[in-house]
N, C-alpha and C. Protein backbone atom coordinates (compact mmCIF):
# COMPACT_ATOMS: atom_id res chain seq x y z
N MET A 1 69.21 28.64 -17.37
CA MET A 1 70.50 28.07 -17.06
C MET A 1 70.28 26.72 -16.39
N ASP A 2 71.08 25.73 -16.70
CA ASP A 2 70.84 24.42 -16.14
C ASP A 2 71.24 24.37 -14.67
N ALA A 3 70.85 23.30 -14.00
CA ALA A 3 71.00 23.19 -12.54
C ALA A 3 72.44 23.34 -12.08
N LYS A 4 73.39 22.83 -12.84
CA LYS A 4 74.78 22.89 -12.37
C LYS A 4 75.36 24.30 -12.39
N HIS A 5 74.73 25.23 -13.12
CA HIS A 5 75.19 26.62 -13.17
C HIS A 5 74.22 27.58 -12.51
N LYS A 6 73.07 27.09 -12.12
CA LYS A 6 71.96 27.93 -11.66
C LYS A 6 72.30 28.82 -10.47
N ASP A 7 73.01 28.31 -9.51
CA ASP A 7 73.26 29.06 -8.28
C ASP A 7 74.59 29.80 -8.25
N LEU A 8 75.29 29.83 -9.37
CA LEU A 8 76.57 30.53 -9.41
C LEU A 8 76.36 32.03 -9.57
N GLY A 9 77.14 32.80 -8.85
CA GLY A 9 77.14 34.25 -9.01
C GLY A 9 77.92 34.64 -10.26
N HIS A 10 77.87 35.93 -10.59
CA HIS A 10 78.53 36.45 -11.79
C HIS A 10 80.01 36.06 -11.82
N ASP A 11 80.75 36.33 -10.75
CA ASP A 11 82.19 36.06 -10.73
C ASP A 11 82.50 34.57 -10.81
N GLU A 12 81.70 33.74 -10.11
CA GLU A 12 81.93 32.30 -10.14
C GLU A 12 81.64 31.74 -11.53
N LEU A 13 80.60 32.24 -12.17
CA LEU A 13 80.26 31.78 -13.51
C LEU A 13 81.37 32.17 -14.50
N LEU A 14 81.87 33.40 -14.39
CA LEU A 14 82.96 33.82 -15.28
C LEU A 14 84.21 32.96 -15.07
N GLU A 15 84.51 32.62 -13.83
CA GLU A 15 85.67 31.78 -13.55
C GLU A 15 85.47 30.37 -14.12
N LEU A 16 84.27 29.83 -13.99
CA LEU A 16 83.97 28.52 -14.56
C LEU A 16 84.14 28.56 -16.08
N LEU A 17 83.65 29.62 -16.70
CA LEU A 17 83.76 29.73 -18.15
C LEU A 17 85.21 29.85 -18.58
N ARG A 18 86.00 30.61 -17.83
CA ARG A 18 87.43 30.74 -18.16
C ARG A 18 88.13 29.38 -18.08
N SER A 19 87.82 28.61 -17.06
CA SER A 19 88.50 27.33 -16.87
C SER A 19 88.01 26.26 -17.83
N ASN A 20 86.78 26.38 -18.34
CA ASN A 20 86.22 25.36 -19.23
C ASN A 20 85.98 25.90 -20.63
N LYS A 21 86.70 26.92 -21.02
CA LYS A 21 86.44 27.62 -22.28
C LYS A 21 86.33 26.67 -23.48
N ALA A 22 87.10 25.62 -23.50
CA ALA A 22 87.12 24.75 -24.66
C ALA A 22 85.95 23.77 -24.70
N SER A 23 85.16 23.67 -23.63
CA SER A 23 84.15 22.61 -23.58
C SER A 23 82.77 23.13 -23.20
N LEU A 24 82.30 24.16 -23.90
CA LEU A 24 80.99 24.74 -23.60
C LEU A 24 79.95 24.41 -24.66
N ALA A 25 80.28 23.55 -25.60
CA ALA A 25 79.34 23.17 -26.65
C ALA A 25 78.10 22.54 -26.04
N GLY A 26 76.95 23.02 -26.50
CA GLY A 26 75.67 22.47 -26.04
C GLY A 26 75.23 22.88 -24.65
N GLU A 27 75.99 23.69 -23.96
CA GLU A 27 75.64 24.11 -22.60
C GLU A 27 74.42 25.02 -22.59
N ASP A 28 73.64 24.97 -21.53
CA ASP A 28 72.50 25.85 -21.34
C ASP A 28 72.94 27.01 -20.46
N LEU A 29 73.20 28.15 -21.08
CA LEU A 29 73.61 29.36 -20.38
C LEU A 29 72.59 30.46 -20.62
N SER A 30 71.35 30.05 -20.84
CA SER A 30 70.28 31.02 -21.11
C SER A 30 70.13 31.96 -19.93
N HIS A 31 69.96 33.22 -20.25
CA HIS A 31 69.76 34.30 -19.28
C HIS A 31 70.93 34.49 -18.33
N ALA A 32 72.10 33.96 -18.67
CA ALA A 32 73.29 34.11 -17.82
C ALA A 32 73.82 35.53 -17.90
N ASP A 33 74.41 35.98 -16.81
CA ASP A 33 75.06 37.29 -16.76
C ASP A 33 76.53 37.10 -17.12
N LEU A 34 76.85 37.35 -18.38
CA LEU A 34 78.21 37.14 -18.88
C LEU A 34 78.82 38.44 -19.37
N ARG A 35 78.40 39.55 -18.77
CA ARG A 35 78.94 40.86 -19.15
C ARG A 35 80.45 40.85 -19.03
N GLY A 36 81.11 41.28 -20.14
CA GLY A 36 82.56 41.43 -20.12
C GLY A 36 83.34 40.12 -20.08
N ALA A 37 82.69 38.99 -20.27
CA ALA A 37 83.38 37.69 -20.20
C ALA A 37 84.37 37.53 -21.35
N ASP A 38 85.48 36.87 -21.08
CA ASP A 38 86.45 36.52 -22.12
C ASP A 38 86.13 35.12 -22.60
N LEU A 39 85.42 35.05 -23.72
CA LEU A 39 85.08 33.77 -24.33
C LEU A 39 85.71 33.66 -25.72
N SER A 40 86.82 34.36 -25.89
CA SER A 40 87.50 34.33 -27.18
C SER A 40 87.91 32.89 -27.51
N TYR A 41 87.62 32.49 -28.73
CA TYR A 41 87.95 31.17 -29.27
C TYR A 41 87.28 30.02 -28.53
N ALA A 42 86.26 30.31 -27.74
CA ALA A 42 85.53 29.26 -27.04
C ALA A 42 84.69 28.46 -28.03
N SER A 43 84.50 27.19 -27.73
CA SER A 43 83.62 26.35 -28.53
C SER A 43 82.25 26.35 -27.86
N LEU A 44 81.29 27.03 -28.51
CA LEU A 44 79.94 27.15 -27.97
C LEU A 44 78.92 26.62 -28.97
N LYS A 45 79.33 25.66 -29.78
CA LYS A 45 78.44 25.11 -30.80
C LYS A 45 77.17 24.56 -30.14
N GLY A 46 76.03 25.04 -30.65
CA GLY A 46 74.75 24.57 -30.16
C GLY A 46 74.40 25.00 -28.74
N ALA A 47 75.19 25.89 -28.15
CA ALA A 47 74.91 26.36 -26.78
C ALA A 47 73.65 27.22 -26.76
N ASN A 48 72.94 27.18 -25.65
CA ASN A 48 71.76 28.03 -25.46
C ASN A 48 72.17 29.25 -24.66
N LEU A 49 72.28 30.39 -25.35
CA LEU A 49 72.62 31.66 -24.73
C LEU A 49 71.46 32.64 -24.90
N GLY A 50 70.28 32.10 -25.13
CA GLY A 50 69.10 32.93 -25.32
C GLY A 50 68.87 33.83 -24.11
N GLY A 51 68.70 35.12 -24.36
CA GLY A 51 68.44 36.08 -23.29
C GLY A 51 69.63 36.39 -22.40
N ALA A 52 70.80 35.85 -22.73
CA ALA A 52 71.99 36.10 -21.91
C ALA A 52 72.49 37.53 -22.10
N ASP A 53 73.14 38.06 -21.06
CA ASP A 53 73.77 39.38 -21.15
C ASP A 53 75.24 39.18 -21.45
N LEU A 54 75.61 39.38 -22.70
CA LEU A 54 76.98 39.26 -23.17
C LEU A 54 77.54 40.62 -23.58
N SER A 55 76.97 41.67 -23.03
CA SER A 55 77.42 43.01 -23.39
C SER A 55 78.89 43.18 -23.03
N GLY A 56 79.66 43.70 -24.00
CA GLY A 56 81.08 43.93 -23.79
C GLY A 56 81.92 42.67 -23.73
N ALA A 57 81.35 41.50 -24.01
CA ALA A 57 82.09 40.25 -23.95
C ALA A 57 83.03 40.11 -25.14
N ASP A 58 84.12 39.37 -24.94
CA ASP A 58 85.06 39.06 -26.01
C ASP A 58 84.73 37.66 -26.53
N LEU A 59 84.08 37.62 -27.69
CA LEU A 59 83.73 36.37 -28.35
C LEU A 59 84.48 36.25 -29.68
N SER A 60 85.60 36.95 -29.78
CA SER A 60 86.37 36.92 -31.02
C SER A 60 86.85 35.49 -31.30
N GLY A 61 86.62 35.06 -32.54
CA GLY A 61 87.05 33.72 -32.94
C GLY A 61 86.25 32.59 -32.33
N ALA A 62 85.20 32.89 -31.60
CA ALA A 62 84.41 31.85 -30.94
C ALA A 62 83.62 31.04 -31.95
N GLY A 63 83.42 29.78 -31.65
CA GLY A 63 82.61 28.90 -32.48
C GLY A 63 81.19 28.86 -31.93
N LEU A 64 80.31 29.61 -32.56
CA LEU A 64 78.91 29.72 -32.11
C LEU A 64 77.96 29.15 -33.15
N VAL A 65 78.42 28.16 -33.90
CA VAL A 65 77.60 27.54 -34.93
C VAL A 65 76.36 26.93 -34.29
N GLU A 66 75.20 27.28 -34.86
CA GLU A 66 73.91 26.78 -34.42
C GLU A 66 73.59 27.09 -32.95
N ALA A 67 74.24 28.10 -32.39
CA ALA A 67 73.95 28.52 -31.02
C ALA A 67 72.67 29.34 -30.98
N ASN A 68 71.97 29.29 -29.87
CA ASN A 68 70.78 30.12 -29.66
C ASN A 68 71.20 31.38 -28.92
N LEU A 69 71.16 32.50 -29.62
CA LEU A 69 71.47 33.80 -29.04
C LEU A 69 70.28 34.73 -29.16
N SER A 70 69.10 34.14 -29.32
CA SER A 70 67.89 34.96 -29.50
C SER A 70 67.65 35.80 -28.26
N GLY A 71 67.40 37.08 -28.50
CA GLY A 71 67.12 37.99 -27.40
C GLY A 71 68.32 38.31 -26.52
N ALA A 72 69.51 37.87 -26.91
CA ALA A 72 70.71 38.13 -26.09
C ALA A 72 71.15 39.58 -26.25
N ASN A 73 71.78 40.10 -25.20
CA ASN A 73 72.37 41.43 -25.25
C ASN A 73 73.84 41.27 -25.60
N LEU A 74 74.19 41.60 -26.84
CA LEU A 74 75.56 41.53 -27.33
C LEU A 74 76.08 42.93 -27.66
N SER A 75 75.49 43.94 -27.05
CA SER A 75 75.91 45.31 -27.34
C SER A 75 77.38 45.50 -26.93
N GLY A 76 78.14 46.06 -27.85
CA GLY A 76 79.56 46.31 -27.58
C GLY A 76 80.42 45.06 -27.53
N ALA A 77 79.88 43.90 -27.86
CA ALA A 77 80.65 42.66 -27.82
C ALA A 77 81.59 42.58 -29.01
N ASP A 78 82.69 41.87 -28.84
CA ASP A 78 83.65 41.64 -29.92
C ASP A 78 83.42 40.25 -30.48
N LEU A 79 82.85 40.20 -31.69
CA LEU A 79 82.57 38.94 -32.37
C LEU A 79 83.40 38.82 -33.65
N ALA A 80 84.52 39.52 -33.70
CA ALA A 80 85.38 39.47 -34.88
C ALA A 80 85.81 38.03 -35.13
N ASP A 81 85.71 37.60 -36.39
CA ASP A 81 86.13 36.26 -36.82
C ASP A 81 85.33 35.13 -36.17
N ALA A 82 84.21 35.43 -35.55
CA ALA A 82 83.38 34.39 -34.92
C ALA A 82 82.65 33.58 -35.99
N GLU A 83 82.42 32.33 -35.70
CA GLU A 83 81.67 31.43 -36.58
C GLU A 83 80.26 31.35 -36.04
N LEU A 84 79.32 32.01 -36.73
CA LEU A 84 77.93 32.08 -36.30
C LEU A 84 76.98 31.43 -37.31
N GLY A 85 77.51 30.53 -38.13
CA GLY A 85 76.69 29.87 -39.13
C GLY A 85 75.51 29.13 -38.49
N GLY A 86 74.31 29.43 -38.96
CA GLY A 86 73.12 28.77 -38.45
C GLY A 86 72.69 29.21 -37.07
N ALA A 87 73.36 30.20 -36.49
CA ALA A 87 73.00 30.68 -35.15
C ALA A 87 71.69 31.46 -35.20
N ASP A 88 70.97 31.45 -34.10
CA ASP A 88 69.73 32.22 -33.98
C ASP A 88 70.03 33.49 -33.21
N LEU A 89 70.08 34.61 -33.93
CA LEU A 89 70.32 35.93 -33.34
C LEU A 89 69.07 36.79 -33.42
N SER A 90 67.92 36.17 -33.62
CA SER A 90 66.69 36.94 -33.76
C SER A 90 66.41 37.71 -32.47
N GLY A 91 66.12 39.00 -32.65
CA GLY A 91 65.82 39.85 -31.52
C GLY A 91 67.02 40.20 -30.65
N ALA A 92 68.22 39.82 -31.06
CA ALA A 92 69.42 40.13 -30.26
C ALA A 92 69.81 41.59 -30.43
N ASP A 93 70.42 42.15 -29.39
CA ASP A 93 70.92 43.52 -29.44
C ASP A 93 72.41 43.47 -29.74
N LEU A 94 72.77 43.84 -30.97
CA LEU A 94 74.16 43.86 -31.41
C LEU A 94 74.64 45.30 -31.64
N THR A 95 74.04 46.24 -30.93
CA THR A 95 74.41 47.64 -31.06
C THR A 95 75.90 47.81 -30.76
N ASN A 96 76.61 48.46 -31.69
CA ASN A 96 78.04 48.74 -31.54
C ASN A 96 78.91 47.50 -31.37
N ALA A 97 78.41 46.34 -31.78
CA ALA A 97 79.21 45.11 -31.72
C ALA A 97 80.19 45.08 -32.87
N ASN A 98 81.30 44.39 -32.68
CA ASN A 98 82.29 44.20 -33.74
C ASN A 98 82.06 42.83 -34.35
N LEU A 99 81.50 42.81 -35.56
CA LEU A 99 81.25 41.57 -36.29
C LEU A 99 82.17 41.43 -37.49
N SER A 100 83.26 42.16 -37.49
CA SER A 100 84.15 42.13 -38.66
C SER A 100 84.62 40.70 -38.94
N ARG A 101 84.51 40.33 -40.21
CA ARG A 101 84.94 39.03 -40.72
C ARG A 101 84.20 37.85 -40.08
N ALA A 102 83.10 38.09 -39.41
CA ALA A 102 82.32 36.99 -38.82
C ALA A 102 81.58 36.25 -39.92
N ASN A 103 81.35 34.97 -39.70
CA ASN A 103 80.58 34.15 -40.63
C ASN A 103 79.15 34.08 -40.11
N LEU A 104 78.23 34.74 -40.83
CA LEU A 104 76.81 34.74 -40.46
C LEU A 104 75.98 33.94 -41.46
N SER A 105 76.61 33.01 -42.16
CA SER A 105 75.89 32.21 -43.15
C SER A 105 74.76 31.44 -42.48
N GLU A 106 73.57 31.57 -43.06
CA GLU A 106 72.36 30.89 -42.59
C GLU A 106 71.94 31.31 -41.17
N ALA A 107 72.54 32.37 -40.63
CA ALA A 107 72.14 32.86 -39.30
C ALA A 107 70.79 33.55 -39.38
N LYS A 108 70.00 33.41 -38.33
CA LYS A 108 68.70 34.08 -38.24
C LYS A 108 68.93 35.42 -37.55
N LEU A 109 68.59 36.51 -38.26
CA LEU A 109 68.82 37.85 -37.74
C LEU A 109 67.54 38.68 -37.69
N ASP A 110 66.39 38.04 -37.82
CA ASP A 110 65.14 38.78 -37.82
C ASP A 110 64.97 39.57 -36.53
N GLY A 111 64.77 40.88 -36.69
CA GLY A 111 64.55 41.75 -35.54
C GLY A 111 65.79 42.07 -34.74
N ALA A 112 66.97 41.64 -35.19
CA ALA A 112 68.21 41.96 -34.47
C ALA A 112 68.52 43.45 -34.64
N GLU A 113 69.01 44.07 -33.60
CA GLU A 113 69.40 45.49 -33.63
C GLU A 113 70.89 45.56 -33.92
N LEU A 114 71.25 46.18 -35.05
CA LEU A 114 72.64 46.23 -35.50
C LEU A 114 73.16 47.65 -35.64
N SER A 115 72.53 48.61 -35.01
CA SER A 115 72.96 50.01 -35.11
C SER A 115 74.40 50.15 -34.62
N GLY A 116 75.22 50.76 -35.48
CA GLY A 116 76.61 51.03 -35.10
C GLY A 116 77.51 49.81 -35.13
N ALA A 117 76.99 48.66 -35.54
CA ALA A 117 77.81 47.44 -35.56
C ALA A 117 78.82 47.51 -36.70
N ASN A 118 80.02 47.00 -36.47
CA ASN A 118 81.04 46.90 -37.50
C ASN A 118 80.79 45.61 -38.27
N MET A 119 80.35 45.75 -39.53
CA MET A 119 80.01 44.61 -40.37
C MET A 119 81.03 44.42 -41.49
N ASN A 120 82.22 44.97 -41.33
CA ASN A 120 83.24 44.92 -42.36
C ASN A 120 83.67 43.47 -42.63
N GLY A 121 83.49 43.02 -43.87
CA GLY A 121 83.95 41.69 -44.26
C GLY A 121 83.08 40.55 -43.77
N VAL A 122 81.87 40.84 -43.31
CA VAL A 122 80.98 39.80 -42.83
C VAL A 122 80.62 38.86 -43.97
N GLU A 123 80.64 37.57 -43.69
CA GLU A 123 80.22 36.57 -44.67
C GLU A 123 78.80 36.18 -44.35
N ARG A 124 77.94 36.29 -45.36
CA ARG A 124 76.52 35.98 -45.14
C ARG A 124 75.98 35.31 -46.38
N ARG A 125 75.53 34.10 -46.24
CA ARG A 125 74.86 33.37 -47.30
C ARG A 125 73.58 32.82 -46.74
N GLY A 126 72.62 32.59 -47.62
CA GLY A 126 71.36 32.02 -47.18
C GLY A 126 70.22 32.97 -47.44
N PRO A 127 69.05 32.65 -46.89
CA PRO A 127 67.87 33.46 -47.16
C PRO A 127 68.06 34.90 -46.70
N ARG A 128 67.49 35.81 -47.46
CA ARG A 128 67.55 37.22 -47.09
C ARG A 128 66.79 37.43 -45.78
N GLN A 129 67.30 38.29 -44.96
CA GLN A 129 66.65 38.61 -43.69
C GLN A 129 65.54 39.62 -43.94
N ARG A 130 64.47 39.48 -43.21
CA ARG A 130 63.35 40.41 -43.39
C ARG A 130 63.64 41.76 -42.75
N ARG A 131 64.19 41.78 -41.55
CA ARG A 131 64.43 43.04 -40.86
C ARG A 131 65.82 43.02 -40.22
N LEU A 132 66.67 43.91 -40.64
CA LEU A 132 67.99 44.07 -40.04
C LEU A 132 68.08 45.51 -39.57
N ASN A 133 67.70 45.76 -38.37
CA ASN A 133 67.62 47.11 -37.84
C ASN A 133 68.98 47.77 -37.72
N GLY A 134 69.18 48.82 -38.50
CA GLY A 134 70.40 49.61 -38.41
C GLY A 134 71.61 48.99 -39.08
N ALA A 135 71.43 47.90 -39.82
CA ALA A 135 72.59 47.21 -40.40
C ALA A 135 73.19 47.96 -41.56
N GLU A 136 74.49 47.96 -41.62
CA GLU A 136 75.22 48.46 -42.77
C GLU A 136 76.21 47.38 -43.15
N TRP A 137 75.92 46.69 -44.26
CA TRP A 137 76.75 45.58 -44.69
C TRP A 137 77.94 46.08 -45.49
N PHE A 138 79.11 45.57 -45.18
CA PHE A 138 80.31 45.90 -45.92
C PHE A 138 80.98 44.64 -46.47
N GLY A 139 80.23 43.56 -46.52
CA GLY A 139 80.76 42.29 -47.01
C GLY A 139 80.61 42.17 -48.51
N PRO A 140 80.83 40.98 -49.03
CA PRO A 140 80.81 40.76 -50.48
C PRO A 140 79.50 41.17 -51.14
N GLU A 141 78.36 40.95 -50.50
CA GLU A 141 77.07 41.30 -51.10
C GLU A 141 76.95 42.79 -51.33
N ARG A 142 77.38 43.58 -50.36
CA ARG A 142 77.27 45.03 -50.52
C ARG A 142 78.22 45.52 -51.61
N ARG A 143 79.44 45.00 -51.62
CA ARG A 143 80.40 45.43 -52.64
C ARG A 143 79.89 45.10 -54.04
N LEU A 144 79.26 43.92 -54.18
CA LEU A 144 78.68 43.55 -55.48
C LEU A 144 77.55 44.51 -55.85
N ALA A 145 76.69 44.83 -54.91
CA ALA A 145 75.59 45.77 -55.18
C ALA A 145 76.13 47.14 -55.56
N GLU A 146 77.20 47.59 -54.89
CA GLU A 146 77.79 48.89 -55.22
C GLU A 146 78.39 48.88 -56.63
N ARG A 147 79.02 47.78 -57.02
CA ARG A 147 79.59 47.68 -58.38
C ARG A 147 78.47 47.70 -59.42
N ARG A 148 77.38 46.98 -59.14
CA ARG A 148 76.27 46.97 -60.08
C ARG A 148 75.69 48.38 -60.24
N GLN A 149 75.55 49.08 -59.14
CA GLN A 149 75.02 50.44 -59.19
C GLN A 149 75.95 51.37 -59.97
N ALA A 150 77.25 51.24 -59.77
CA ALA A 150 78.23 52.06 -60.47
C ALA A 150 78.19 51.78 -61.97
N ASN A 151 77.97 50.53 -62.34
CA ASN A 151 77.89 50.18 -63.77
C ASN A 151 76.65 50.76 -64.42
N ARG A 152 75.59 50.96 -63.65
CA ARG A 152 74.36 51.56 -64.20
C ARG A 152 74.50 53.05 -64.41
N ASP A 153 75.31 53.70 -63.58
CA ASP A 153 75.47 55.16 -63.64
C ASP A 153 76.25 55.64 -64.81
């Protein structure tokens, strides 16, 4: 976390985030304690949230394009309709997260834990991921694969 946020406690940091929700692009919030934070529709483009605890946070509709979320705890977080294109989610814990209708195009998901995550309508384009632990895709790619399988039967 950068110097201007370094000495803030959990409650002070959450209050700062609430008051500046629209202007967090590029901020260094690495390893921040953001459990349960309301960051819905926040602009976090290019923000460093690596190793942050965002468990139970509301990130619905948030702009997280090219954000660093590697190793972040996003368990139980609401990421519905979030823009995560090009984001680094490698090694992130997304257990039981809501990713419905999120855009994960070009996102890095290597080693991410997705057990129990809601992946309904997820948009994903780009290179295939090597390891998606516990993922169940319900987006266009899965529906296409299911149709192809049904046509073979």
